[in-house]
Protein backbone atom coordinates (compact mmCIF):
# COMPACT_ATOMS: atom_id res chain seq x y z
CA MET A 1 11.41 15.10 -22.25
CA SER A 2 10.26 14.32 -18.36
CA GLN A 3 12.36 12.09 -16.18
CA PHE A 4 10.65 9.85 -14.28
CA SER A 5 11.19 9.51 -10.69
CA ARG A 6 13.18 6.53 -9.56
CA ARG A 7 12.02 6.21 -6.37
CA LYS A 8 8.53 7.30 -7.10
CA PHE A 9 8.75 4.26 -9.57
CA LEU A 10 9.86 1.94 -7.07
CA LEU A 11 7.53 2.42 -4.51
CA THR A 12 4.75 2.41 -6.86
CA ALA A 13 6.21 -0.64 -8.61
CA GLY A 14 5.97 -2.02 -4.59
CA GLY A 15 9.89 -1.71 -5.14
CA THR A 16 11.76 -4.81 -5.77
CA ALA A 17 11.65 -6.60 -2.29
CA ALA A 18 7.84 -6.07 -1.99
CA ALA A 19 7.16 -6.75 -5.56
CA ALA A 20 9.13 -10.15 -5.36
CA LEU A 21 6.60 -11.26 -2.77
CA TRP A 22 3.92 -10.49 -4.71
CA LEU A 23 4.89 -12.04 -8.07
CA ASN A 24 5.83 -15.11 -6.39
CA ALA A 25 2.66 -15.23 -4.78
CA CYS A 26 0.39 -17.82 -5.48
CA GLY A 27 -19.74 3.80 -28.33
CA SER A 28 -22.80 3.58 -29.33
CA ASN A 29 -25.29 0.20 -29.20
CA ASN A 30 -25.84 0.90 -32.96
CA SER A 31 -21.78 0.19 -33.90
CA SER A 32 -22.60 -3.37 -32.19
CA THR A 33 -23.71 -7.07 -34.30
CA ASP A 34 -25.92 -8.72 -31.54
CA THR A 35 -25.01 -12.59 -31.89
CA THR A 36 -27.07 -14.57 -29.68
CA GLY A 37 -27.79 -18.30 -31.23
CA SER A 38 -25.54 -21.16 -30.70
CA THR A 39 -25.85 -23.66 -33.82
CA SER A 40 -24.94 -26.32 -31.45
CA THR A 41 -27.09 -28.46 -28.89
CA PRO A 42 -25.98 -27.10 -25.33
CA ALA A 43 -23.89 -29.55 -23.40
CA PRO A 44 -25.31 -31.11 -20.35
CA SER A 45 -25.37 -28.46 -17.46
CA GLY A 46 -22.55 -28.22 -15.73
CA THR A 47 -23.81 -26.40 -12.27
CA SER A 48 -26.09 -27.35 -9.39
CA GLY A 49 -28.23 -25.99 -7.24
CA GLY A 50 -25.68 -24.05 -4.97
CA ASP A 51 -23.69 -23.11 -8.07
CA ALA A 52 -26.11 -21.46 -9.95
CA PRO A 53 -25.84 -18.10 -11.48
CA GLU A 54 -27.76 -15.11 -10.59
CA VAL A 55 -28.68 -14.36 -13.46
CA LYS A 56 -28.87 -16.39 -16.87
CA GLY A 57 -26.67 -14.19 -19.28
CA VAL A 58 -23.97 -11.72 -20.00
CA THR A 59 -23.59 -8.97 -22.50
CA LEU A 60 -20.00 -9.96 -23.94
CA GLY A 61 -18.31 -7.83 -26.82
CA PHE A 62 -15.58 -8.68 -29.42
CA ILE A 63 -14.08 -7.36 -32.03
CA ALA A 64 -13.18 -9.62 -35.33
CA LEU A 65 -10.32 -10.86 -34.86
CA THR A 66 -9.09 -14.56 -34.45
CA ASP A 67 -8.51 -14.45 -30.64
CA ALA A 68 -12.01 -13.79 -30.18
CA ALA A 69 -12.42 -17.35 -30.74
CA PRO A 70 -12.61 -18.45 -27.42
CA VAL A 71 -15.89 -16.16 -26.78
CA ILE A 72 -17.56 -16.97 -29.47
CA ILE A 73 -16.64 -20.84 -29.64
CA ALA A 74 -18.46 -20.58 -25.94
CA LEU A 75 -21.56 -19.70 -27.53
CA GLU A 76 -21.82 -21.44 -30.52
CA LYS A 77 -20.60 -24.94 -28.18
CA GLY A 78 -23.20 -24.11 -25.89
CA LEU A 79 -20.78 -23.71 -22.95
CA PHE A 80 -22.20 -20.57 -21.67
CA ALA A 81 -25.66 -22.69 -21.53
CA LYS A 82 -23.61 -25.99 -19.88
CA TYR A 83 -22.85 -23.89 -17.10
CA GLY A 84 -25.69 -21.89 -16.91
CA LEU A 85 -25.66 -18.98 -18.75
CA PRO A 86 -28.15 -19.86 -21.81
CA ASP A 87 -29.25 -15.70 -22.09
CA THR A 88 -25.55 -14.89 -23.03
CA LYS A 89 -24.94 -12.70 -25.80
CA VAL A 90 -21.70 -12.14 -27.72
CA VAL A 91 -21.97 -8.99 -29.61
CA LYS A 92 -19.45 -8.13 -32.42
CA GLN A 93 -18.12 -4.32 -32.00
CA THR A 94 -16.89 -2.16 -34.81
CA SER A 95 -13.93 -0.80 -33.21
CA TRP A 96 -12.18 -0.83 -29.79
CA ALA A 97 -13.31 2.57 -29.17
CA VAL A 98 -16.95 1.41 -29.38
CA THR A 99 -15.83 -1.64 -27.25
CA ARG A 100 -14.73 1.21 -24.55
CA ASP A 101 -18.41 3.28 -24.58
CA ASN A 102 -20.10 0.03 -24.39
CA LEU A 103 -18.29 -0.94 -21.60
CA GLU A 104 -18.91 1.99 -20.44
CA LEU A 105 -22.53 2.15 -20.88
CA GLY A 106 -23.17 -1.40 -19.71
CA SER A 107 -26.03 -3.98 -20.90
CA ASP A 108 -28.52 -2.08 -18.69
CA ARG A 109 -27.98 0.87 -20.96
CA GLY A 110 -28.07 -0.58 -24.24
CA GLY A 111 -24.10 -1.52 -23.76
CA ILE A 112 -22.06 -4.86 -23.08
CA ASP A 113 -20.80 -6.22 -19.47
CA GLY A 114 -17.95 -7.74 -20.70
CA ALA A 115 -15.66 -8.25 -23.44
CA HIS A 116 -12.62 -9.98 -25.44
CA ILE A 117 -10.70 -6.77 -25.14
CA LEU A 118 -6.54 -5.49 -25.37
CA SER A 119 -4.96 -6.60 -22.63
CA PRO A 120 -3.72 -2.74 -21.23
CA MET A 121 -7.49 -1.36 -21.63
CA PRO A 122 -8.90 -2.89 -18.11
CA TYR A 123 -6.28 -0.94 -16.65
CA LEU A 124 -6.81 2.46 -18.75
CA LEU A 125 -10.38 2.18 -17.82
CA THR A 126 -10.23 1.32 -14.10
CA ALA A 127 -7.37 4.25 -14.00
CA GLY A 128 -10.39 6.75 -16.16
CA THR A 129 -7.62 7.84 -18.70
CA ILE A 130 -9.96 6.84 -21.06
CA THR A 131 -13.41 6.98 -20.56
CA LYS A 132 -15.39 9.27 -22.37
CA SER A 133 -16.86 10.39 -19.28
CA GLN A 134 -13.18 10.63 -17.94
CA LYS A 135 -14.08 8.90 -14.35
CA PRO A 136 -12.49 5.50 -13.42
CA LEU A 137 -14.75 2.31 -14.25
CA PRO A 138 -13.52 -0.32 -12.31
CA MET A 139 -12.92 -3.23 -14.27
CA TYR A 140 -11.68 -7.65 -13.90
CA ILE A 141 -9.20 -9.30 -15.91
CA LEU A 142 -10.72 -12.39 -15.76
CA ALA A 143 -8.26 -14.26 -18.10
CA ARG A 144 -5.61 -13.99 -21.13
CA LEU A 145 -7.51 -15.53 -24.28
CA ASN A 146 -4.32 -16.01 -25.98
CA THR A 147 -1.12 -15.67 -26.58
CA GLN A 148 1.20 -14.27 -29.83
CA GLY A 149 -0.82 -14.55 -33.14
CA GLN A 150 -0.35 -10.67 -34.16
CA GLY A 151 1.62 -9.06 -37.25
CA ILE A 152 3.46 -6.32 -37.91
CA SER A 153 2.75 -5.67 -42.20
CA LEU A 154 3.64 -3.53 -44.71
CA SER A 155 2.59 -1.93 -47.93
CA ASN A 156 3.77 -3.37 -51.15
CA GLU A 157 5.15 -0.03 -51.49
CA PHE A 158 8.43 -1.50 -49.83
CA LEU A 159 8.31 -5.05 -50.58
CA ALA A 160 11.94 -4.74 -52.60
CA GLU A 161 13.56 -3.90 -49.36
CA LYS A 162 11.90 -6.88 -47.69
CA VAL A 163 11.85 -5.83 -43.89
CA GLN A 164 11.91 -7.97 -41.18
CA ILE A 165 12.29 -7.67 -37.46
CA LYS A 166 15.05 -6.21 -36.77
CA ASP A 167 16.80 -4.38 -39.82
CA PRO A 168 18.56 -1.28 -40.40
CA LYS A 169 16.37 -1.00 -43.64
CA LEU A 170 13.51 0.40 -41.77
CA LYS A 171 15.21 3.35 -40.30
CA ALA A 172 16.40 4.13 -44.00
CA ILE A 173 12.76 4.26 -44.84
CA ALA A 174 11.66 6.15 -42.16
CA ASP A 175 14.92 8.76 -42.40
CA GLN A 176 13.46 9.23 -46.46
CA LYS A 177 10.33 9.51 -46.18
CA LYS A 178 11.36 12.36 -43.16
CA ALA A 179 13.57 13.91 -45.77
CA SER A 180 10.91 13.91 -48.08
CA GLY A 181 9.03 16.10 -45.43
CA LYS A 182 6.66 13.32 -44.50
CA LEU A 183 6.75 10.89 -41.50
CA LEU A 184 6.55 7.16 -41.40
CA LYS A 185 2.73 6.39 -40.90
CA ALA A 186 1.92 3.42 -38.81
CA ALA A 187 -1.15 2.34 -38.26
CA VAL A 188 -2.50 0.58 -34.65
CA THR A 189 -5.87 -0.17 -33.42
CA PHE A 190 -6.02 1.72 -30.16
CA PRO A 191 -3.85 4.02 -28.34
CA GLY A 192 -1.71 2.16 -25.22
CA GLY A 193 -3.07 -1.03 -26.56
CA THR A 194 -1.48 -3.95 -27.33
CA HIS A 195 -0.90 -3.36 -30.86
CA ASP A 196 0.12 0.20 -30.09
CA LEU A 197 2.72 -0.86 -28.02
CA TRP A 198 4.02 -3.79 -30.05
CA MET A 199 4.54 -1.18 -32.84
CA ARG A 200 6.14 1.44 -30.42
CA TYR A 201 8.83 -1.39 -29.18
CA TRP A 202 9.71 -2.68 -32.92
CA LEU A 203 9.95 1.15 -34.59
CA ALA A 204 12.22 2.44 -31.36
CA ALA A 205 14.30 -1.04 -31.37
CA ASN A 206 15.15 -0.02 -34.84
CA GLY A 207 16.62 3.08 -34.11
CA ILE A 208 12.99 5.21 -34.83
CA ASP A 209 11.09 7.53 -31.77
CA PRO A 210 7.52 6.82 -32.57
CA ASN A 211 6.49 10.04 -31.52
CA ASN A 212 9.05 12.54 -33.64
CA ASP A 213 10.00 9.81 -36.65
CA ALA A 214 6.56 8.43 -37.60
CA ASP A 215 2.52 9.31 -37.37
CA LEU A 216 0.76 6.92 -35.85
CA VAL A 217 -2.63 6.74 -36.74
CA VAL A 218 -5.45 4.49 -35.02
CA ILE A 219 -7.95 2.41 -37.51
CA PRO A 220 -10.20 -0.42 -36.65
CA PRO A 221 -9.11 -3.87 -36.80
CA PRO A 222 -11.28 -5.26 -39.57
CA GLN A 223 -10.82 -1.63 -41.66
CA MET A 224 -7.01 -2.22 -41.79
CA VAL A 225 -6.68 -4.52 -44.91
CA ALA A 226 -8.94 -1.51 -47.10
CA ASN A 227 -6.63 1.21 -45.60
CA MET A 228 -3.66 -0.16 -46.83
CA GLN A 229 -4.89 -0.43 -49.89
CA THR A 230 -6.15 3.22 -50.60
CA GLY A 231 -2.83 4.29 -48.85
CA THR A 232 -3.94 5.64 -45.82
CA MET A 233 -0.65 3.85 -43.97
CA ASP A 234 2.90 2.29 -45.01
CA THR A 235 2.37 -0.12 -42.29
CA PHE A 236 0.83 -1.28 -39.67
CA CYS A 237 0.06 -3.71 -36.27
CA VAL A 238 -3.45 -5.71 -36.01
CA GLY A 239 -4.08 -9.46 -35.13
CA GLU A 240 -4.85 -12.10 -37.42
CA PRO A 241 -6.73 -12.52 -39.55
CA TRP A 242 -5.79 -9.55 -41.09
CA ASN A 243 -1.91 -9.77 -41.79
CA ALA A 244 -2.63 -12.58 -43.88
CA ARG A 245 -5.79 -11.60 -45.99
CA LEU A 246 -3.02 -8.57 -46.73
CA VAL A 247 -1.17 -11.13 -48.11
CA ASN A 248 -3.54 -13.08 -49.29
CA LYS A 249 -5.05 -10.36 -51.37
CA LYS A 250 -1.23 -9.10 -52.18
CA LEU A 251 -1.44 -5.77 -51.04
CA GLY A 252 1.41 -5.89 -48.64
CA TYR A 253 3.87 -8.27 -46.68
CA THR A 254 4.11 -9.52 -43.01
CA ALA A 255 7.63 -7.90 -41.89
CA ALA A 256 7.18 -10.03 -38.60
CA VAL A 257 4.65 -12.14 -36.50
CA THR A 258 4.78 -10.35 -33.05
CA GLY A 259 6.12 -14.02 -31.49
CA GLU A 260 9.27 -12.97 -33.10
CA LEU A 261 9.18 -9.25 -31.04
CA TRP A 262 8.71 -11.41 -27.73
CA LYS A 263 7.70 -15.56 -27.61
CA PHE A 264 4.73 -16.14 -26.12
CA HIS A 265 3.85 -12.82 -25.50
CA PRO A 266 0.00 -12.02 -23.89
CA GLU A 267 -2.53 -10.75 -26.29
CA LYS A 268 -6.20 -10.27 -25.62
CA ALA A 269 -8.36 -10.41 -22.11
CA LEU A 270 -10.93 -11.66 -21.52
CA THR A 271 -12.66 -8.31 -19.10
CA ILE A 272 -15.85 -8.28 -16.50
CA ARG A 273 -17.27 -4.73 -15.22
CA ALA A 274 -16.72 -5.15 -11.53
CA ASP A 275 -19.31 -4.24 -10.27
CA TRP A 276 -21.29 -6.74 -12.54
CA ALA A 277 -18.59 -9.27 -11.56
CA ASP A 278 -19.35 -8.54 -7.78
CA LYS A 279 -23.26 -7.97 -7.63
CA ASN A 280 -23.09 -11.59 -9.89
CA PRO A 281 -19.89 -13.96 -8.50
CA LYS A 282 -21.36 -17.24 -9.36
CA ALA A 283 -22.11 -16.22 -13.08
CA THR A 284 -19.05 -14.60 -13.12
CA MET A 285 -17.46 -18.00 -12.23
CA ALA A 286 -19.85 -19.69 -14.79
CA LEU A 287 -18.43 -17.18 -17.22
CA LEU A 288 -15.06 -17.80 -16.46
CA LYS A 289 -15.58 -21.45 -16.60
CA ALA A 290 -17.46 -21.35 -20.17
CA VAL A 291 -14.61 -19.38 -22.19
CA GLN A 292 -11.29 -21.65 -20.36
CA GLU A 293 -13.10 -24.66 -21.73
CA ALA A 294 -13.75 -23.06 -25.16
CA GLN A 295 -10.20 -21.73 -24.78
CA ILE A 296 -8.75 -25.39 -24.38
CA TRP A 297 -11.15 -26.66 -27.06
CA CYS A 298 -9.64 -24.43 -29.66
CA GLU A 299 -6.41 -25.00 -28.96
CA ASP A 300 -7.10 -28.68 -29.71
CA PRO A 301 -5.84 -29.22 -33.70
CA ALA A 302 -9.00 -31.37 -33.91
CA ASN A 303 -10.96 -29.01 -34.08
CA LEU A 304 -9.28 -26.35 -36.44
CA ASP A 305 -11.50 -26.70 -38.87
CA GLU A 306 -14.57 -26.07 -37.27
CA LEU A 307 -12.96 -23.63 -35.61
CA CYS A 308 -12.46 -21.51 -38.98
CA GLN A 309 -15.84 -22.43 -40.40
CA ILE A 310 -17.27 -20.93 -37.54
CA THR A 311 -15.68 -17.29 -36.64
CA ALA A 312 -15.19 -17.07 -40.71
CA GLN A 313 -19.01 -16.42 -40.93
CA ASP A 314 -20.27 -13.25 -41.48
CA LYS A 315 -21.58 -12.43 -38.32
CA TYR A 316 -18.15 -12.89 -36.51
CA PHE A 317 -15.17 -12.32 -38.95
CA LYS A 318 -16.33 -11.97 -42.12
CA THR A 319 -13.61 -13.01 -44.23
CA SER A 320 -12.83 -16.73 -45.74
CA VAL A 321 -11.21 -19.76 -43.49
CA GLU A 322 -8.04 -19.30 -45.90
CA ASP A 323 -7.54 -16.44 -44.48
CA ILE A 324 -7.54 -17.42 -40.91
CA LYS A 325 -6.64 -21.50 -40.81
CA PRO A 326 -2.95 -21.05 -42.36
CA ARG A 327 -1.93 -19.13 -39.28
CA LEU A 328 -3.59 -20.58 -36.54
CA GLN A 329 -1.76 -23.49 -37.26
CA GLY A 330 1.49 -22.13 -37.75
CA ASP A 331 2.03 -21.97 -41.33
CA ILE A 332 2.97 -18.18 -42.30
CA ASP A 333 3.39 -17.07 -45.57
CA TYR A 334 5.29 -13.60 -45.37
CA GLY A 335 4.37 -12.49 -48.90
CA ASP A 336 7.65 -11.39 -49.23
CA GLY A 337 9.35 -15.00 -50.33
CA ARG A 338 9.36 -16.46 -46.62
CA SER A 339 7.60 -19.34 -45.68
CA VAL A 340 7.49 -21.03 -42.51
CA LYS A 341 5.44 -24.36 -41.40
CA ASN A 342 4.13 -25.49 -38.34
CA SER A 343 5.71 -22.58 -36.45
CA ASP A 344 6.10 -22.29 -32.65
CA LEU A 345 4.76 -18.55 -33.13
CA ARG A 346 1.14 -19.60 -33.71
CA MET A 347 -1.34 -18.35 -31.89
CA ARG A 348 -2.27 -20.00 -28.39
CA PHE A 349 -5.41 -19.91 -26.23
CA TRP A 350 -4.00 -22.59 -23.33
CA SER A 351 -0.97 -24.42 -24.40
CA GLU A 352 2.43 -22.43 -22.54
CA ASN A 353 -0.38 -21.06 -19.71
CA ALA A 354 -1.54 -18.93 -21.81
CA SER A 355 -4.81 -18.27 -20.53
CA PHE A 356 -3.13 -17.53 -16.87
CA PRO A 357 -3.31 -13.59 -16.52
CA TYR A 358 0.30 -13.62 -15.19
CA LYS A 359 0.52 -10.17 -13.24
CA SER A 360 4.09 -9.69 -14.30
CA HIS A 361 2.30 -9.22 -17.98
CA ASP A 362 0.53 -6.66 -16.68
CA LEU A 363 3.24 -5.21 -15.05
CA TRP A 364 4.97 -5.09 -18.40
CA PHE A 365 2.01 -3.44 -19.99
CA LEU A 366 1.99 -0.30 -17.51
CA THR A 367 5.42 0.19 -17.59
CA GLU A 368 5.25 0.63 -21.10
CA ASP A 369 1.67 2.96 -21.04
CA ILE A 370 3.64 4.80 -18.42
CA ARG A 371 6.91 5.20 -20.86
CA TRP A 372 4.45 6.70 -23.78
CA GLY A 373 2.48 8.87 -21.53
CA TYR A 374 -0.52 6.82 -21.50
CA LEU A 375 -0.27 6.70 -17.57
CA PRO A 376 1.06 9.29 -15.36
CA ALA A 377 4.52 8.29 -13.74
CA SER A 378 2.94 8.44 -9.88
CA THR A 379 0.23 4.94 -11.19
CA ASP A 380 0.41 2.95 -8.33
CA THR A 381 1.21 0.19 -10.73
CA LYS A 382 1.03 -2.71 -8.22
CA ALA A 383 -2.19 -1.60 -6.38
CA LEU A 384 -3.92 -1.10 -9.84
CA ILE A 385 -2.92 -4.62 -11.08
CA GLU A 386 -4.32 -5.95 -7.54
CA LYS A 387 -7.51 -4.14 -8.31
CA VAL A 388 -8.02 -5.37 -11.83
CA ASN A 389 -6.27 -8.50 -11.75
CA ARG A 390 -8.46 -11.38 -10.80
CA SER A 391 -5.70 -14.46 -11.25
CA ASP A 392 -7.04 -15.95 -8.14
CA LEU A 393 -10.49 -16.54 -9.68
CA TRP A 394 -8.89 -18.05 -12.56
CA ARG A 395 -7.01 -20.68 -10.35
CA GLU A 396 -10.60 -21.53 -8.68
CA ALA A 397 -12.50 -21.83 -12.09
CA ALA A 398 -9.28 -24.12 -13.59
CA LYS A 399 -9.68 -26.34 -10.85
CA ALA A 400 -13.71 -26.23 -10.97
CA ILE A 401 -12.99 -27.65 -14.37
CA GLY A 402 -10.49 -30.40 -13.72
CA ARG A 403 -7.31 -28.73 -14.90
CA GLU A 404 -5.74 -28.35 -11.87
CA GLN A 405 -2.10 -29.33 -13.25
CA ASP A 406 -2.45 -26.09 -15.91
CA ILE A 407 -2.36 -24.01 -12.99
CA PRO A 408 0.85 -22.43 -12.54
CA ALA A 409 2.64 -22.01 -9.41
CA SER A 410 3.22 -18.11 -9.73
CA ASP A 411 1.88 -14.92 -10.67
CA SER A 412 5.01 -13.73 -12.80
CA ARG A 413 6.52 -15.60 -15.30
CA GLY A 414 9.81 -14.20 -14.24
CA VAL A 415 12.35 -11.86 -16.56
CA GLU A 416 11.28 -11.61 -20.80
CA THR A 417 13.83 -11.46 -23.36
CA PHE A 418 12.30 -9.30 -26.13
CA PHE A 419 14.16 -9.97 -29.98
CA ASP A 420 16.64 -6.72 -29.27
CA GLY A 421 17.75 -8.28 -26.36
CA VAL A 422 16.62 -5.98 -23.89
CA THR A 423 15.37 -7.92 -20.93
CA PHE A 424 12.13 -6.85 -18.57
CA ASP A 425 12.65 -8.01 -14.70
CA PRO A 426 9.03 -7.61 -13.54
CA GLU A 427 11.02 -7.09 -9.56
CA ASN A 428 12.62 -3.81 -11.06
CA PRO A 429 10.37 -2.33 -13.56
CA GLN A 430 12.93 0.82 -13.26
CA ALA A 431 16.04 -0.37 -14.78
CA TYR A 432 14.16 -1.77 -17.88
CA LEU A 433 13.11 1.95 -18.19
CA ASP A 434 16.40 3.50 -17.74
CA GLY A 435 17.68 1.51 -20.07
CA LEU A 436 15.03 2.84 -23.18
CA LYS A 437 16.07 4.91 -25.55
CA PHE A 438 13.07 6.30 -26.84
CA LYS A 439 10.34 7.51 -24.31
CA ALA A 440 7.57 10.12 -23.31
CA ILE A 441 7.05 10.08 -20.09
CA LYS A 442 4.98 12.24 -18.04
CA ALA A 443 5.10 13.18 -14.54
């Protein structure tokens, strides 16, 4: 196992002193489904002459996951039109790899300009580590779309064990499989993405080396349940509504919702190609304001039924309201006899600063991607975050829509604590890495 240079990381992360200053400062288009029409009457225009966007629309991608709701609702409730983007398209992507490919194409070549995306992906695109061209594709993160709302589920083969978040039975299962010549097969949605990192963290914290004691496979989110049914994997990590659907179909159970792993953890992001945003700054601001308003709408319990009815449609999630609604309101049937009502581990779209793109959270994602070799140890994490994270635009948009009271004072949420007691101090990421047993760092 390669050793991580202590001096190099502190320099690239900005060092404890410099980081403290920073952190405390205020595929193919044929694989997509185009959704262009709004079913609601557009709200009155939210733009004036001087604020009018340079273009009339933007093409955005989404995956069939509950946390895509703000992008969908911004279209359906006429919020894009309200801010001068009536021609905006919201295009279903079949996988995160297709999202990546279409972002690389851009709408000018039949792809997309921005997307609902796994929070680490804009960094991996900007670094050029996942692009098909193997060249950097500069991206911006405009907002976090949600916190929490994902799950780690297991096949009914292991229902008798009733595995939970911190559980020696998980390692026993992995050890038994390895002794029989097999590995625990764990499905995630994209290498280096949030679901991959949650799964790896969960396995490692339970004494399982993800690289040697498990076999991690990539499955698109909407295909997780079908693949569990055919025995493709033993466990998976994915966003809702697919954990709930697994339980409702009695094909497996949820070991843990990801809020148990890290309470109020960041999840998806709203990303945009940097060249598009730089060329269309007013349209970018219009896009951000529309999505922020949609997040506020999604957070309102009075809108829950309508949100579920809209997103359950075939053109969006192609599932039932019963798969979406309960967990979204905090009612969690784990499928193993456990049931929780009104859990504070439900998905958040706006409350608890869910929409704000904390730079300290992005530093954790980059640190974990370094931990597992998705980014080299030499990555200048501070420079990369400053290039991608546009919390400055988020603040400007929030102020413009009258939500100045919801703007955090800092780009850091401070020290974070995980379910196993491990802490991540964004002012000293090296200490976090030093304390981890399992890692696969590359120079």
